[in-house]
Amino acid sequence: MTNTQQLAANDPLLRELIEASCEAERSSAIERLLGEAKPVIASILIRSRSTAFRREDFDDLTATVLMRLVRRLRLAASVAESPITSFKDFTASLAYNAVYELFRVRFPLRTRHKNRLRYVLSHDDRFAAWLVGNESVAGLRSWRDRTDVMTGASITMRDAEPRMLDEARIGDAIEAVLTRFGRPLLLSELTDILAELWGITDAVPDEVPEARDPETPYTCLAAREQLDTLWREVKELPLQQRTALLLNLRDADGMNALALFILLDVATFDELASVLEMTSEYLQSIWSSLPLDDLTIGAILGKARQQVINLRKSARMRLARRMR
């Protein structure tokens, strides 16, 4: 696909990024796009809020979405098969996915309940499910694509019909609820109504501990204040140790975590290259392949695979001691 075709396939907001001719221009374009994305992310997180959300959840979800967005934007100029036709919709999709992942872990019963409803809505001829904006909507089949969605719907146990209370006949319960309101409902609100009527709830502890890997101190990368300290310590590592560590650095999805240094304004792309004692051009040439496997890193360092593993282990141990 030519550059002209790529521009036509993607959202016009990406023009500056696609036309960028150097890393500095790409970084500037990405920074501008992140500014466009942050209000979209914030709006979705606020609409998806739960009493079990903590302040750090909003921060962590925002960082997760921005990191994934940066990773995708860096491929925007070269991935012709998956253009970003609407930057706002793409960002919203990433945000909804991040919220769903959190809910799936923290609210397993509610998540399973919602998936059961979604399955019935898509397989029972009485119903339909569609999107209004970026929200999943449920309704009777004859209502498909209506946009007059009711919000704030609720039904008390006292007002519930017998059909609504029968969890064994999910389709009949859904039909009774939808008929009661006579309008499409947000899937999240239909889920809440039936969860309350059926007594489906996840116990939420006062504090939900965060999982941490004591052998990998760089898992705290998402925390900006800790990332500054970590970056200073990484720069103090011997060259081969920091190379073995940084070129293999992975996020929770197993993808390149070096983007976090740039995303959180801890280091520029050129500074990353300098710490690795590489030219910016060379780091750019391998950027899309990061994180590298140990054999590839070994070829760069002139070391065997096990030596690379040992170097990275030594780096982690030193960082763990220095950051206690």
Protein backbone atom coordinates (compact mmCIF):
# COMPACT_ATOMS: atom_id res chain seq x y z
CA MET A 1 0.00 0.00 0.00
CA THR A 2 1.36 3.41 -0.97
CA ASN A 3 1.61 6.31 1.43
CA THR A 4 -1.34 7.96 -0.33
CA GLN A 5 -3.45 4.82 0.07
CA GLN A 6 -2.43 4.55 3.71
CA LEU A 7 -3.49 8.13 4.34
CA ALA A 8 -6.85 7.45 2.69
CA ALA A 9 -7.43 4.29 4.75
CA ASN A 10 -6.69 5.86 8.15
CA ASP A 11 -8.38 8.59 10.17
CA PRO A 12 -7.15 12.05 9.02
CA LEU A 13 -5.91 12.60 12.60
CA LEU A 14 -3.10 10.17 11.78
CA ARG A 15 -1.83 12.13 8.77
CA GLU A 16 1.03 13.79 10.66
CA LEU A 17 2.15 10.42 12.05
CA ILE A 18 1.98 8.58 8.71
CA GLU A 19 3.86 11.35 6.92
CA ALA A 20 6.56 11.60 9.61
CA SER A 21 10.03 11.10 8.16
CA CYS A 22 12.06 10.68 11.37
CA GLU A 23 11.71 9.50 14.95
CA ALA A 24 11.41 13.04 16.33
CA GLU A 25 8.44 13.76 14.05
CA ARG A 26 6.83 10.43 14.92
CA SER A 27 7.20 11.05 18.65
CA SER A 28 5.71 14.54 18.29
CA ALA A 29 2.75 13.18 16.32
CA ILE A 30 2.13 10.42 18.85
CA GLU A 31 2.25 12.91 21.73
CA ARG A 32 -0.42 15.01 20.00
CA LEU A 33 -2.59 11.94 19.41
CA LEU A 34 -2.30 10.93 23.07
CA GLY A 35 -3.64 14.35 23.96
CA GLU A 36 -6.66 13.61 21.74
CA ALA A 37 -7.08 10.18 23.33
CA LYS A 38 -7.00 11.10 27.02
CA PRO A 39 -10.46 12.77 27.15
CA VAL A 40 -11.98 9.77 25.34
CA ILE A 41 -10.41 7.35 27.82
CA ALA A 42 -11.46 9.44 30.82
CA SER A 43 -15.05 9.65 29.59
CA ILE A 44 -15.33 5.88 29.21
CA LEU A 45 -13.72 5.12 32.56
CA ILE A 46 -16.11 7.52 34.28
CA ARG A 47 -19.13 5.91 32.56
CA SER A 48 -17.83 2.46 33.50
CA ARG A 49 -17.07 3.37 37.10
CA SER A 50 -18.00 0.99 39.89
CA THR A 51 -18.13 1.33 43.66
CA ALA A 52 -15.23 -1.13 43.69
CA PHE A 53 -13.08 1.15 41.52
CA ARG A 54 -10.20 2.74 43.39
CA ARG A 55 -8.35 5.87 42.33
CA GLU A 56 -5.38 3.79 41.28
CA ASP A 57 -7.64 1.72 39.01
CA PHE A 58 -8.36 4.80 36.91
CA ASP A 59 -4.65 5.60 36.76
CA ASP A 60 -3.65 2.02 35.94
CA LEU A 61 -6.35 1.61 33.28
CA THR A 62 -5.39 4.91 31.68
CA ALA A 63 -1.72 3.92 31.58
CA THR A 64 -2.61 0.52 30.12
CA VAL A 65 -4.74 2.02 27.34
CA LEU A 66 -2.15 4.68 26.48
CA MET A 67 0.63 2.09 26.36
CA ARG A 68 -1.36 -0.12 23.99
CA LEU A 69 -2.28 2.90 21.90
CA VAL A 70 1.37 3.97 21.57
CA ARG A 71 2.30 0.46 20.47
CA ARG A 72 -0.40 0.50 17.78
CA LEU A 73 0.36 4.02 16.59
CA ARG A 74 4.01 3.13 16.02
CA LEU A 75 2.78 0.55 13.52
CA ALA A 76 0.24 2.83 11.89
CA ALA A 77 2.43 3.78 8.96
CA SER A 78 3.34 0.20 8.10
CA VAL A 79 0.34 -2.02 8.97
CA ALA A 80 -1.83 -1.64 5.90
CA GLU A 81 -4.08 -4.57 6.82
CA SER A 82 -5.43 -2.88 9.95
CA PRO A 83 -5.97 0.85 9.37
CA ILE A 84 -7.36 2.99 12.18
CA THR A 85 -10.40 4.34 10.36
CA SER A 86 -11.67 6.19 13.42
CA PHE A 87 -9.10 7.18 16.02
CA LYS A 88 -11.78 7.98 18.60
CA ASP A 89 -13.53 4.63 18.14
CA PHE A 90 -10.25 2.73 18.23
CA THR A 91 -9.24 4.45 21.47
CA ALA A 92 -12.67 3.79 22.97
CA SER A 93 -12.38 0.10 22.05
CA LEU A 94 -9.04 -0.15 23.85
CA ALA A 95 -10.55 1.54 26.92
CA TYR A 96 -13.59 -0.74 27.03
CA ASN A 97 -11.35 -3.80 26.67
CA ALA A 98 -9.18 -2.65 29.58
CA VAL A 99 -12.26 -2.12 31.77
CA TYR A 100 -13.60 -5.54 30.80
CA GLU A 101 -10.29 -7.18 31.72
CA LEU A 102 -10.41 -5.54 35.16
CA PHE A 103 -14.02 -6.56 35.72
CA ARG A 104 -13.32 -10.12 34.58
CA VAL A 105 -10.64 -10.49 37.24
CA ARG A 106 -12.35 -8.57 40.05
CA PHE A 107 -15.96 -9.59 39.34
CA PRO A 108 -15.90 -13.14 37.93
CA LEU A 109 -19.53 -13.94 38.84
CA ARG A 110 -20.89 -10.74 37.29
CA THR A 111 -18.73 -11.24 34.20
CA ARG A 112 -20.01 -14.79 33.72
CA HIS A 113 -23.57 -13.53 34.24
CA LYS A 114 -23.12 -10.81 31.61
CA ASN A 115 -21.65 -13.30 29.13
CA ARG A 116 -24.67 -15.57 29.62
CA LEU A 117 -27.00 -12.69 28.81
CA ARG A 118 -24.92 -11.73 25.80
CA TYR A 119 -25.09 -15.32 24.51
CA VAL A 120 -28.90 -15.44 24.83
CA LEU A 121 -29.29 -12.06 23.14
CA SER A 122 -27.28 -13.25 20.16
CA HIS A 123 -28.83 -16.74 19.86
CA ASP A 124 -32.51 -16.26 20.79
CA ASP A 125 -34.62 -15.05 17.85
CA ARG A 126 -36.64 -12.79 20.14
CA PHE A 127 -33.68 -10.48 20.80
CA ALA A 128 -30.97 -8.40 19.22
CA ALA A 129 -27.80 -6.75 20.46
CA TRP A 130 -26.13 -3.80 18.76
CA LEU A 131 -23.97 -0.77 19.41
CA VAL A 132 -25.12 2.78 20.00
CA GLY A 133 -21.96 4.84 19.90
CA ASN A 134 -19.56 2.56 21.72
CA GLU A 135 -22.13 1.14 24.15
CA SER A 136 -23.57 -2.37 23.86
CA VAL A 137 -27.35 -2.26 23.74
CA ALA A 138 -29.98 -5.00 24.21
CA GLY A 139 -33.52 -5.06 22.85
CA LEU A 140 -36.23 -7.01 21.12
CA ARG A 141 -35.43 -8.02 17.56
CA SER A 142 -37.98 -5.55 16.17
CA TRP A 143 -36.12 -2.74 17.95
CA ARG A 144 -32.75 -3.42 16.30
CA ASP A 145 -30.69 -0.27 15.64
CA ARG A 146 -33.00 2.01 17.62
CA THR A 147 -31.06 4.73 19.40
CA ASP A 148 -33.65 5.81 21.99
CA VAL A 149 -31.83 3.83 24.67
CA MET A 150 -33.16 4.08 28.21
CA THR A 151 -30.62 4.82 30.92
CA GLY A 152 -30.89 4.58 34.67
CA ALA A 153 -33.29 1.63 34.48
CA SER A 154 -33.91 -0.41 37.62
CA ILE A 155 -36.47 -2.85 39.01
CA THR A 156 -36.95 -3.60 42.69
CA MET A 157 -37.69 -7.08 43.94
CA ARG A 158 -41.16 -5.90 44.99
CA ASP A 159 -41.98 -4.72 41.44
CA ALA A 160 -40.48 -7.72 39.62
CA GLU A 161 -42.72 -10.09 37.67
CA PRO A 162 -42.38 -13.83 38.31
CA ARG A 163 -40.74 -14.33 34.91
CA MET A 164 -38.00 -11.87 35.81
CA LEU A 165 -37.07 -13.91 38.88
CA ASP A 166 -36.67 -17.24 37.06
CA GLU A 167 -32.96 -17.61 36.42
CA ALA A 168 -33.54 -21.00 34.80
CA ARG A 169 -35.44 -19.32 31.94
CA ILE A 170 -33.07 -16.53 31.01
CA GLY A 171 -34.76 -15.64 27.73
CA ASP A 172 -38.15 -15.19 29.36
CA ALA A 173 -36.62 -13.03 32.09
CA ILE A 174 -34.88 -10.81 29.53
CA GLU A 175 -38.08 -10.48 27.52
CA ALA A 176 -40.05 -9.49 30.61
CA VAL A 177 -37.54 -6.79 31.56
CA LEU A 178 -37.32 -5.34 28.05
CA THR A 179 -41.11 -5.37 27.67
CA ARG A 180 -41.48 -3.57 31.00
CA PHE A 181 -39.47 -0.59 29.74
CA GLY A 182 -40.54 -0.74 26.08
CA ARG A 183 -37.17 0.58 24.92
CA PRO A 184 -33.66 -0.76 24.35
CA LEU A 185 -31.48 -0.97 27.47
CA LEU A 186 -27.74 -0.70 27.92
CA LEU A 187 -26.39 -4.23 28.28
CA SER A 188 -24.61 -3.17 31.46
CA GLU A 189 -27.92 -2.01 33.01
CA LEU A 190 -29.79 -5.15 31.94
CA THR A 191 -26.95 -7.10 33.56
CA ASP A 192 -27.28 -5.09 36.78
CA ILE A 193 -31.07 -5.50 36.93
CA LEU A 194 -31.05 -9.27 36.57
CA ALA A 195 -27.97 -9.68 38.79
CA GLU A 196 -29.80 -7.89 41.59
CA LEU A 197 -33.00 -9.87 41.10
CA TRP A 198 -31.11 -13.16 41.02
CA GLY A 199 -28.77 -12.33 43.89
CA ILE A 200 -25.61 -12.51 41.79
CA THR A 201 -22.82 -10.54 43.43
CA ASP A 202 -19.07 -10.68 43.88
CA ALA A 203 -17.74 -10.02 47.36
CA VAL A 204 -15.42 -7.05 47.11
CA PRO A 205 -12.67 -6.89 49.74
CA ASP A 206 -11.74 -3.56 51.26
CA GLU A 207 -8.36 -3.75 49.57
CA VAL A 208 -7.53 -5.77 46.49
CA PRO A 209 -3.80 -6.48 46.61
CA GLU A 210 -1.80 -5.98 43.47
CA ALA A 211 0.11 -8.98 42.20
CA ARG A 212 3.84 -8.36 42.06
CA ASP A 213 6.76 -10.42 40.93
CA PRO A 214 9.56 -9.90 43.45
CA GLU A 215 12.17 -11.02 40.94
CA THR A 216 11.15 -8.45 38.33
CA PRO A 217 11.21 -4.98 39.88
CA TYR A 218 10.54 -3.38 36.53
CA THR A 219 6.93 -4.58 36.76
CA CYS A 220 6.28 -1.28 38.55
CA LEU A 221 6.90 0.60 35.28
CA ALA A 222 3.33 1.88 35.15
CA ALA A 223 3.93 3.95 38.31
CA ARG A 224 5.46 7.22 37.12
CA GLU A 225 7.23 8.11 40.35
CA GLN A 226 8.87 4.67 40.58
CA LEU A 227 9.78 4.70 36.91
CA ASP A 228 11.98 7.76 37.40
CA THR A 229 13.94 5.96 40.12
CA LEU A 230 14.11 2.78 38.08
CA TRP A 231 15.45 4.61 35.04
CA ARG A 232 18.25 6.19 37.08
CA GLU A 233 19.23 2.77 38.44
CA VAL A 234 19.08 1.13 35.00
CA LYS A 235 21.53 3.71 33.67
CA GLU A 236 23.97 2.70 36.42
CA LEU A 237 23.98 -0.97 35.33
CA PRO A 238 26.92 -2.28 33.30
CA LEU A 239 26.25 -1.93 29.57
CA GLN A 240 25.73 -5.64 28.88
CA GLN A 241 23.38 -6.05 31.84
CA ARG A 242 21.18 -3.12 30.85
CA THR A 243 21.17 -4.30 27.22
CA ALA A 244 20.10 -7.82 28.22
CA LEU A 245 17.40 -6.33 30.44
CA LEU A 246 15.99 -3.55 28.26
CA LEU A 247 15.91 -5.37 24.92
CA ASN A 248 13.86 -8.13 26.55
CA LEU A 249 11.64 -5.87 28.67
CA ARG A 250 8.00 -6.95 28.42
CA ASP A 251 4.68 -5.56 29.60
CA ALA A 252 1.79 -7.63 30.97
CA ASP A 253 0.82 -8.61 27.41
CA GLY A 254 4.34 -9.77 26.58
CA MET A 255 4.90 -6.75 24.32
CA ASN A 256 7.62 -4.09 24.20
CA ALA A 257 7.61 -2.25 27.55
CA LEU A 258 10.27 0.29 26.55
CA ALA A 259 7.43 2.38 25.15
CA LEU A 260 6.48 3.21 28.75
CA PHE A 261 9.67 5.22 29.23
CA ILE A 262 8.63 7.44 26.33
CA LEU A 263 4.91 7.41 27.15
CA LEU A 264 5.47 8.62 30.71
CA ASP A 265 8.09 11.21 29.67
CA VAL A 266 10.88 9.54 31.62
CA ALA A 267 13.21 9.25 28.64
CA THR A 268 13.20 10.23 24.99
CA PHE A 269 13.76 7.76 22.20
CA ASP A 270 17.26 9.15 21.65
CA GLU A 271 18.05 8.73 25.37
CA LEU A 272 17.00 5.08 25.21
CA ALA A 273 19.34 4.58 22.27
CA SER A 274 22.16 6.35 24.12
CA VAL A 275 21.77 4.16 27.23
CA LEU A 276 21.93 1.09 25.01
CA GLU A 277 24.92 2.67 23.20
CA MET A 278 23.12 2.31 19.88
CA THR A 279 22.35 4.86 17.23
CA SER A 280 18.76 6.04 17.12
CA GLU A 281 18.54 4.68 13.59
CA TYR A 282 19.56 1.19 14.71
CA LEU A 283 17.14 1.16 17.65
CA GLN A 284 14.38 2.31 15.30
CA SER A 285 15.21 -0.56 12.92
CA ILE A 286 14.66 -3.17 15.66
CA TRP A 287 11.89 -1.34 17.57
CA SER A 288 9.00 -3.24 15.98
CA SER A 289 10.72 -6.55 16.86
CA LEU A 290 11.08 -5.77 20.58
CA PRO A 291 11.18 -7.51 22.98
CA LEU A 292 14.00 -9.58 21.50
CA ASP A 293 14.62 -13.21 22.35
CA ASP A 294 17.82 -14.23 24.12
CA LEU A 295 19.48 -15.67 21.02
CA THR A 296 19.05 -12.38 19.15
CA ILE A 297 20.32 -10.37 22.11
CA GLY A 298 23.23 -12.80 22.35
CA ALA A 299 24.12 -12.09 18.73
CA ILE A 300 24.14 -8.34 19.46
CA LEU A 301 26.33 -8.77 22.55
CA GLY A 302 28.47 -11.59 21.23
CA LYS A 303 27.28 -13.83 24.06
CA ALA A 304 25.69 -17.27 24.35
CA ARG A 305 21.99 -17.52 25.24
CA GLN A 306 22.70 -18.65 28.82
CA GLN A 307 25.11 -15.77 29.31
CA VAL A 308 22.36 -13.34 28.28
CA ILE A 309 20.00 -14.95 30.80
CA ASN A 310 22.66 -14.63 33.50
CA LEU A 311 23.27 -10.98 32.65
CA ARG A 312 19.57 -10.16 32.90
CA LYS A 313 19.27 -12.07 36.18
CA SER A 314 22.18 -10.11 37.62
CA ALA A 315 20.56 -6.86 36.49
CA ARG A 316 17.27 -7.76 38.16
CA MET A 317 18.99 -8.72 41.41
CA ARG A 318 20.91 -5.46 41.50
CA LEU A 319 17.78 -3.42 40.78
CA ALA A 320 15.88 -5.30 43.48
CA ARG A 321 18.55 -4.46 46.05
CA ARG A 322 18.83 -0.81 45.02
CA MET A 323 15.07 -0.18 44.93
CA ARG A 324 14.15 -1.73 48.27
